[in-house]
PDB file of N, CA and C in Angstrom:
ATOM      1  N   MET A   1    -124.501  -5.782  87.366  1.00  0.00           N
ATOM      2  CA  MET A   1    -123.947  -6.587  88.434  1.00  0.00           C
ATOM      3  C   MET A   1    -123.532  -5.713  89.621  1.00  0.00           C
ATOM      4  N   GLU A   2    -122.854  -4.598  89.345  1.00  0.00           N
ATOM      5  CA  GLU A   2    -122.419  -3.689  90.412  1.00  0.00           C
ATOM      6  C   GLU A   2    -123.622  -3.123  91.164  1.00  0.00           C
ATOM      7  N   LYS A   3    -124.685  -2.853  90.432  1.00  0.00           N
ATOM      8  CA  LYS A   3    -125.895  -2.319  91.058  1.00  0.00           C
ATOM      9  C   LYS A   3    -126.519  -3.365  91.993  1.00  0.00           C
ATOM     10  N   ASP A   4    -126.485  -4.624  91.576  1.00  0.00           N
ATOM     11  CA  ASP A   4    -127.001  -5.704  92.418  1.00  0.00           C
ATOM     12  C   ASP A   4    -126.191  -5.824  93.701  1.00  0.00           C
ATOM     13  N   ASN A   5    -124.876  -5.696  93.591  1.00  0.00           N
ATOM     14  CA  ASN A   5    -124.008  -5.774  94.766  1.00  0.00           C
ATOM     15  C   ASN A   5    -124.275  -4.620  95.725  1.00  0.00           C
ATOM     16  N   GLN A   6    -124.482  -3.430  95.185  1.00  0.00           N
ATOM     17  CA  GLN A   6    -124.792  -2.270  96.020  1.00  0.00           C
ATOM     18  C   GLN A   6    -126.138  -2.449  96.716  1.00  0.00           C
ATOM     19  N   LYS A   7    -127.098  -3.008  95.982  1.00  0.00           N
ATOM     20  CA  LYS A   7    -128.420  -3.247  96.557  1.00  0.00           C
ATOM     21  C   LYS A   7    -128.330  -4.268  97.692  1.00  0.00           C
ATOM     22  N   ARG A   8    -127.564  -5.331  97.474  1.00  0.00           N
ATOM     23  CA  ARG A   8    -127.386  -6.356  98.520  1.00  0.00           C
ATOM     24  C   ARG A   8    -126.675  -5.783  99.731  1.00  0.00           C
ATOM     25  N   LEU A   9    -125.651  -4.985  99.506  1.00  0.00           N
ATOM     26  CA  LEU A   9    -124.920  -4.371 100.608  1.00  0.00           C
ATOM     27  C   LEU A   9    -125.848  -3.452 101.408  1.00  0.00           C
ATOM     28  N   GLY A  10    -126.652  -2.684 100.703  1.00  0.00           N
ATOM     29  CA  GLY A  10    -127.608  -1.802 101.372  1.00  0.00           C
ATOM     30  C   GLY A  10    -128.606  -2.594 102.204  1.00  0.00           C
ATOM     31  N   ALA A  11    -129.085  -3.691 101.651  1.00  0.00           N
ATOM     32  CA  ALA A  11    -130.035  -4.542 102.379  1.00  0.00           C
ATOM     33  C   ALA A  11    -129.372  -5.161 103.605  1.00  0.00           C
ATOM     34  N   PHE A  12    -128.124  -5.585 103.448  1.00  0.00           N
ATOM     35  CA  PHE A  12    -127.386  -6.150 104.571  1.00  0.00           C
ATOM     36  C   PHE A  12    -127.224  -5.119 105.679  1.00  0.00           C
ATOM     37  N   GLU A  13    -126.798  -3.919 105.322  1.00  0.00           N
ATOM     38  CA  GLU A  13    -126.611  -2.862 106.312  1.00  0.00           C
ATOM     39  C   GLU A  13    -127.916  -2.544 107.034  1.00  0.00           C
ATOM     40  N   LYS A  14    -129.002  -2.511 106.288  1.00  0.00           N
ATOM     41  CA  LYS A  14    -130.316  -2.233 106.876  1.00  0.00           C
ATOM     42  C   LYS A  14    -130.715  -3.348 107.840  1.00  0.00           C
ATOM     43  N   MET A  15    -130.463  -4.587 107.460  1.00  0.00           N
ATOM     44  CA  MET A  15    -130.781  -5.727 108.314  1.00  0.00           C
ATOM     45  C   MET A  15    -129.950  -5.695 109.597  1.00  0.00           C
ATOM     46  N   LEU A  16    -128.663  -5.443 109.473  1.00  0.00           N
ATOM     47  CA  LEU A  16    -127.789  -5.383 110.641  1.00  0.00           C
ATOM     48  C   LEU A  16    -128.229  -4.269 111.591  1.00  0.00           C
ATOM     49  N   GLU A  17    -128.557  -3.126 111.034  1.00  0.00           N
ATOM     50  CA  GLU A  17    -129.030  -2.007 111.854  1.00  0.00           C
ATOM     51  C   GLU A  17    -130.314  -2.388 112.599  1.00  0.00           C
ATOM     52  N   GLY A  18    -131.222  -3.055 111.907  1.00  0.00           N
ATOM     53  CA  GLY A  18    -132.467  -3.495 112.538  1.00  0.00           C
ATOM     54  C   GLY A  18    -132.220  -4.487 113.659  1.00  0.00           C
ATOM     55  N   ILE A  19    -131.281  -5.390 113.452  1.00  0.00           N
ATOM     56  CA  ILE A  19    -130.945  -6.384 114.481  1.00  0.00           C
ATOM     57  C   ILE A  19    -130.363  -5.689 115.707  1.00  0.00           C
ATOM     58  N   LEU A  20    -129.468  -4.728 115.486  1.00  0.00           N
ATOM     59  CA  LEU A  20    -128.869  -4.017 116.611  1.00  0.00           C
ATOM     60  C   LEU A  20    -129.904  -3.212 117.398  1.00  0.00           C
ATOM     61  N   VAL A  21    -130.819  -2.573 116.693  1.00  0.00           N
ATOM     62  CA  VAL A  21    -131.883  -1.806 117.361  1.00  0.00           C
ATOM     63  C   VAL A  21    -132.763  -2.741 118.182  1.00  0.00           C
ATOM     64  N   GLU A  22    -133.161  -3.847 117.597  1.00  0.00           N
ATOM     65  CA  GLU A  22    -134.016  -4.811 118.290  1.00  0.00           C
ATOM     66  C   GLU A  22    -133.294  -5.408 119.496  1.00  0.00           C
ATOM     67  N   TYR A  23    -132.015  -5.725 119.340  1.00  0.00           N
ATOM     68  CA  TYR A  23    -131.222  -6.293 120.422  1.00  0.00           C
ATOM     69  C   TYR A  23    -131.149  -5.327 121.609  1.00  0.00           C
ATOM     70  N   LYS A  24    -130.887  -4.072 121.328  1.00  0.00           N
ATOM     71  CA  LYS A  24    -130.829  -3.061 122.392  1.00  0.00           C
ATOM     72  C   LYS A  24    -132.182  -2.902 123.075  1.00  0.00           C
ATOM     73  N   ASP A  25    -133.265  -2.955 122.302  1.00  0.00           N
ATOM     74  CA  ASP A  25    -134.612  -2.860 122.865  1.00  0.00           C
ATOM     75  C   ASP A  25    -134.898  -4.043 123.789  1.00  0.00           C
ATOM     76  N   ILE A  26    -134.506  -5.224 123.367  1.00  0.00           N
ATOM     77  CA  ILE A  26    -134.699  -6.427 124.178  1.00  0.00           C
ATOM     78  C   ILE A  26    -133.952  -6.290 125.500  1.00  0.00           C
ATOM     79  N   LEU A  27    -132.690  -5.854 125.436  1.00  0.00           N
ATOM     80  CA  LEU A  27    -131.905  -5.675 126.656  1.00  0.00           C
ATOM     81  C   LEU A  27    -132.558  -4.674 127.598  1.00  0.00           C
ATOM     82  N   SER A  28    -133.049  -3.596 127.050  1.00  0.00           N
ATOM     83  CA  SER A  28    -133.705  -2.563 127.851  1.00  0.00           C
ATOM     84  C   SER A  28    -134.965  -3.098 128.528  1.00  0.00           C
ATOM     85  N   ARG A  29    -135.770  -3.814 127.771  1.00  0.00           N
ATOM     86  CA  ARG A  29    -137.012  -4.371 128.333  1.00  0.00           C
ATOM     87  C   ARG A  29    -136.717  -5.418 129.398  1.00  0.00           C
ATOM     88  N   MET A  30    -135.682  -6.224 129.169  1.00  0.00           N
ATOM     89  CA  MET A  30    -135.302  -7.235 130.160  1.00  0.00           C
ATOM     90  C   MET A  30    -134.820  -6.574 131.445  1.00  0.00           C
ATOM     91  N   GLU A  31    -134.036  -5.525 131.302  1.00  0.00           N
ATOM     92  CA  GLU A  31    -133.524  -4.810 132.478  1.00  0.00           C
ATOM     93  C   GLU A  31    -134.673  -4.227 133.300  1.00  0.00           C
ATOM     94  N   LYS A  32    -135.671  -3.687 132.611  1.00  0.00           N
ATOM     95  CA  LYS A  32    -136.836  -3.119 133.302  1.00  0.00           C
ATOM     96  C   LYS A  32    -137.583  -4.210 134.063  1.00  0.00           C
ATOM     97  N   LEU A  33    -137.825  -5.327 133.415  1.00  0.00           N
ATOM     98  CA  LEU A  33    -138.521  -6.430 134.076  1.00  0.00           C
ATOM     99  C   LEU A  33    -137.706  -6.979 135.246  1.00  0.00           C
ATOM    100  N   LYS A  34    -136.407  -7.035 135.077  1.00  0.00           N
ATOM    101  CA  LYS A  34    -135.538  -7.519 136.143  1.00  0.00           C
ATOM    102  C   LYS A  34    -135.628  -6.595 137.357  1.00  0.00           C
ATOM    103  N   ALA A  35    -135.628  -5.301 137.113  1.00  0.00           N
ATOM    104  CA  ALA A  35    -135.741  -4.317 138.196  1.00  0.00           C
ATOM    105  C   ALA A  35    -137.073  -4.441 138.931  1.00  0.00           C
ATOM    106  N   GLU A  36    -138.087  -4.892 138.216  1.00  0.00           N
ATOM    107  CA  GLU A  36    -139.418  -5.085 138.811  1.00  0.00           C
ATOM    108  C   GLU A  36    -139.563  -6.462 139.456  1.00  0.00           C
ATOM    109  N   GLY A  37    -138.503  -7.263 139.404  1.00  0.00           N
ATOM    110  CA  GLY A  37    -138.533  -8.598 139.998  1.00  0.00           C
ATOM    111  C   GLY A  37    -139.364  -9.599 139.215  1.00  0.00           C
ATOM    112  N   LYS A  38    -139.446  -9.399 137.916  1.00  0.00           N
ATOM    113  CA  LYS A  38    -140.290 -10.251 137.069  1.00  0.00           C
ATOM    114  C   LYS A  38    -139.471 -11.169 136.164  1.00  0.00           C
ATOM    115  N   VAL A  39    -138.348 -11.679 136.681  1.00  0.00           N
ATOM    116  CA  VAL A  39    -137.495 -12.522 135.841  1.00  0.00           C
ATOM    117  C   VAL A  39    -138.109 -13.894 135.572  1.00  0.00           C
ATOM    118  N   LYS A  40    -139.117 -14.270 136.319  1.00  0.00           N
ATOM    119  CA  LYS A  40    -139.768 -15.560 136.080  1.00  0.00           C
ATOM    120  C   LYS A  40    -141.036 -15.414 135.233  1.00  0.00           C
ATOM    121  N   SER A  41    -141.303 -14.214 134.786  1.00  0.00           N
ATOM    122  CA  SER A  41    -142.499 -13.990 133.970  1.00  0.00           C
ATOM    123  C   SER A  41    -142.310 -14.568 132.572  1.00  0.00           C
ATOM    124  N   VAL A  42    -143.408 -14.862 131.931  1.00  0.00           N
ATOM    125  CA  VAL A  42    -143.373 -15.386 130.562  1.00  0.00           C
ATOM    126  C   VAL A  42    -142.738 -14.365 129.629  1.00  0.00           C
ATOM    127  N   THR A  43    -143.067 -13.112 129.806  1.00  0.00           N
ATOM    128  CA  THR A  43    -142.516 -12.065 128.955  1.00  0.00           C
ATOM    129  C   THR A  43    -141.001 -12.024 129.057  1.00  0.00           C
ATOM    130  N   TYR A  44    -140.486 -12.086 130.271  1.00  0.00           N
ATOM    131  CA  TYR A  44    -139.036 -12.069 130.465  1.00  0.00           C
ATOM    132  C   TYR A  44    -138.396 -13.284 129.800  1.00  0.00           C
ATOM    133  N   GLN A  45    -139.008 -14.440 129.967  1.00  0.00           N
ATOM    134  CA  GLN A  45    -138.460 -15.664 129.380  1.00  0.00           C
ATOM    135  C   GLN A  45    -138.466 -15.591 127.852  1.00  0.00           C
ATOM    136  N   GLN A  46    -139.525 -15.018 127.285  1.00  0.00           N
ATOM    137  CA  GLN A  46    -139.582 -14.855 125.831  1.00  0.00           C
ATOM    138  C   GLN A  46    -138.502 -13.893 125.345  1.00  0.00           C
ATOM    139  N   LEU A  47    -138.305 -12.815 126.090  1.00  0.00           N
ATOM    140  CA  LEU A  47    -137.253 -11.865 125.733  1.00  0.00           C
ATOM    141  C   LEU A  47    -135.876 -12.507 125.838  1.00  0.00           C
ATOM    142  N   LEU A  48    -135.691 -13.355 126.825  1.00  0.00           N
ATOM    143  CA  LEU A  48    -134.420 -14.052 126.988  1.00  0.00           C
ATOM    144  C   LEU A  48    -134.117 -14.933 125.778  1.00  0.00           C
ATOM    145  N   VAL A  49    -135.126 -15.636 125.306  1.00  0.00           N
ATOM    146  CA  VAL A  49    -134.950 -16.488 124.120  1.00  0.00           C
ATOM    147  C   VAL A  49    -134.600 -15.626 122.905  1.00  0.00           C
ATOM    148  N   ARG A  50    -135.295 -14.521 122.735  1.00  0.00           N
ATOM    149  CA  ARG A  50    -135.005 -13.628 121.610  1.00  0.00           C
ATOM    150  C   ARG A  50    -133.605 -13.029 121.729  1.00  0.00           C
ATOM    151  N   LYS A  51    -133.206 -12.684 122.957  1.00  0.00           N
ATOM    152  CA  LYS A  51    -131.863 -12.150 123.175  1.00  0.00           C
ATOM    153  C   LYS A  51    -130.815 -13.170 122.743  1.00  0.00           C
ATOM    154  N   LEU A  52    -131.010 -14.412 123.116  1.00  0.00           N
ATOM    155  CA  LEU A  52    -130.067 -15.458 122.732  1.00  0.00           C
ATOM    156  C   LEU A  52    -129.998 -15.617 121.214  1.00  0.00           C
ATOM    157  N   MET A  53    -131.146 -15.544 120.560  1.00  0.00           N
ATOM    158  CA  MET A  53    -131.184 -15.661 119.107  1.00  0.00           C
ATOM    159  C   MET A  53    -130.409 -14.512 118.451  1.00  0.00           C
ATOM    160  N   TYR A  54    -130.668 -13.286 118.911  1.00  0.00           N
ATOM    161  CA  TYR A  54    -129.977 -12.135 118.338  1.00  0.00           C
ATOM    162  C   TYR A  54    -128.489 -12.157 118.680  1.00  0.00           C
ATOM    163  N   THR A  55    -128.132 -12.625 119.867  1.00  0.00           N
ATOM    164  CA  THR A  55    -126.726 -12.752 120.236  1.00  0.00           C
ATOM    165  C   THR A  55    -126.018 -13.695 119.280  1.00  0.00           C
ATOM    166  N   ASN A  56    -126.664 -14.813 118.961  1.00  0.00           N
ATOM    167  CA  ASN A  56    -126.089 -15.769 118.013  1.00  0.00           C
ATOM    168  C   ASN A  56    -125.949 -15.172 116.612  1.00  0.00           C
ATOM    169  N   MET A  57    -126.947 -14.423 116.190  1.00  0.00           N
ATOM    170  CA  MET A  57    -126.878 -13.793 114.871  1.00  0.00           C
ATOM    171  C   MET A  57    -125.712 -12.807 114.810  1.00  0.00           C
ATOM    172  N   LEU A  58    -125.575 -11.985 115.844  1.00  0.00           N
ATOM    173  CA  LEU A  58    -124.484 -11.016 115.871  1.00  0.00           C
ATOM    174  C   LEU A  58    -123.126 -11.708 115.938  1.00  0.00           C
ATOM    175  N   ALA A  59    -123.065 -12.831 116.643  1.00  0.00           N
ATOM    176  CA  ALA A  59    -121.812 -13.596 116.718  1.00  0.00           C
ATOM    177  C   ALA A  59    -121.424 -14.134 115.341  1.00  0.00           C
ATOM    178  N   LEU A  60    -122.403 -14.552 114.557  1.00  0.00           N
ATOM    179  CA  LEU A  60    -122.117 -15.011 113.198  1.00  0.00           C
ATOM    180  C   LEU A  60    -121.581 -13.882 112.328  1.00  0.00           C
ATOM    181  N   TYR A  61    -122.171 -12.699 112.452  1.00  0.00           N
ATOM    182  CA  TYR A  61    -121.667 -11.549 111.699  1.00  0.00           C
ATOM    183  C   TYR A  61    -120.213 -11.273 112.061  1.00  0.00           C
ATOM    184  N   GLU A  62    -119.900 -11.368 113.354  1.00  0.00           N
ATOM    185  CA  GLU A  62    -118.527 -11.141 113.799  1.00  0.00           C
ATOM    186  C   GLU A  62    -117.590 -12.242 113.284  1.00  0.00           C
ATOM    187  N   LEU A  63    -118.058 -13.463 113.318  1.00  0.00           N
ATOM    188  CA  LEU A  63    -117.260 -14.592 112.861  1.00  0.00           C
ATOM    189  C   LEU A  63    -116.813 -14.416 111.414  1.00  0.00           C
ATOM    190  N   TYR A  64    -117.683 -13.876 110.593  1.00  0.00           N
ATOM    191  CA  TYR A  64    -117.386 -13.676 109.175  1.00  0.00           C
ATOM    192  C   TYR A  64    -116.888 -12.256 108.874  1.00  0.00           C
ATOM    193  N   ASP A  65    -116.467 -11.556 109.936  1.00  0.00           N
ATOM    194  CA  ASP A  65    -115.927 -10.196 109.800  1.00  0.00           C
ATOM    195  C   ASP A  65    -116.882  -9.243 109.086  1.00  0.00           C
ATOM    196  N   LEU A  66    -118.156  -9.378 109.379  1.00  0.00           N
ATOM    197  CA  LEU A  66    -119.157  -8.514 108.768  1.00  0.00           C
ATOM    198  C   LEU A  66    -119.565  -7.368 109.691  1.00  0.00           C
ATOM    199  N   ARG A  67    -119.028  -7.376 110.911  1.00  0.00           N
ATOM    200  CA  ARG A  67    -119.269  -6.268 111.838  1.00  0.00           C
ATOM    201  C   ARG A  67    -118.193  -6.291 112.914  1.00  0.00           C
ATOM    202  N   ASP A  68    -118.007  -5.148 113.550  1.00  0.00           N
ATOM    203  CA  ASP A  68    -117.092  -5.042 114.672  1.00  0.00           C
ATOM    204  C   ASP A  68    -117.897  -5.070 115.959  1.00  0.00           C
ATOM    205  N   LYS A  69    -117.304  -5.571 117.021  1.00  0.00           N
ATOM    206  CA  LYS A  69    -117.973  -5.553 118.320  1.00  0.00           C
ATOM    207  C   LYS A  69    -118.242  -4.133 118.791  1.00  0.00           C
ATOM    208  N   THR A  70    -117.478  -3.186 118.316  1.00  0.00           N
ATOM    209  CA  THR A  70    -117.637  -1.796 118.740  1.00  0.00           C
ATOM    210  C   THR A  70    -118.899  -1.156 118.186  1.00  0.00           C
ATOM    211  N   GLU A  71    -119.620  -1.835 117.310  1.00  0.00           N
ATOM    212  CA  GLU A  71    -120.823  -1.280 116.693  1.00  0.00           C
ATOM    213  C   GLU A  71    -122.026  -1.264 117.630  1.00  0.00           C
ATOM    214  N   GLU A  72    -121.923  -1.916 118.775  1.00  0.00           N
ATOM    215  CA  GLU A  72    -123.079  -2.014 119.677  1.00  0.00           C
ATOM    216  C   GLU A  72    -123.391  -0.716 120.333  1.00  0.00           C
TER     217      GLU A  72
END
């Protein structure tokens, strides 16, 4: 049982790390497109939707005290 809990915790940590990396990448790509004046492009709009999804996921982690805001 303890091994299962450790495995789940490890998987959770890995998932959270992946979400944070992806979120930062999305922000970076959006900033680049914004600087190029491409905020109306399909790519920018798709990134915006993904950003909102990841923002919601991170908010849920915070709601359940599974991460600190300082982790960004």
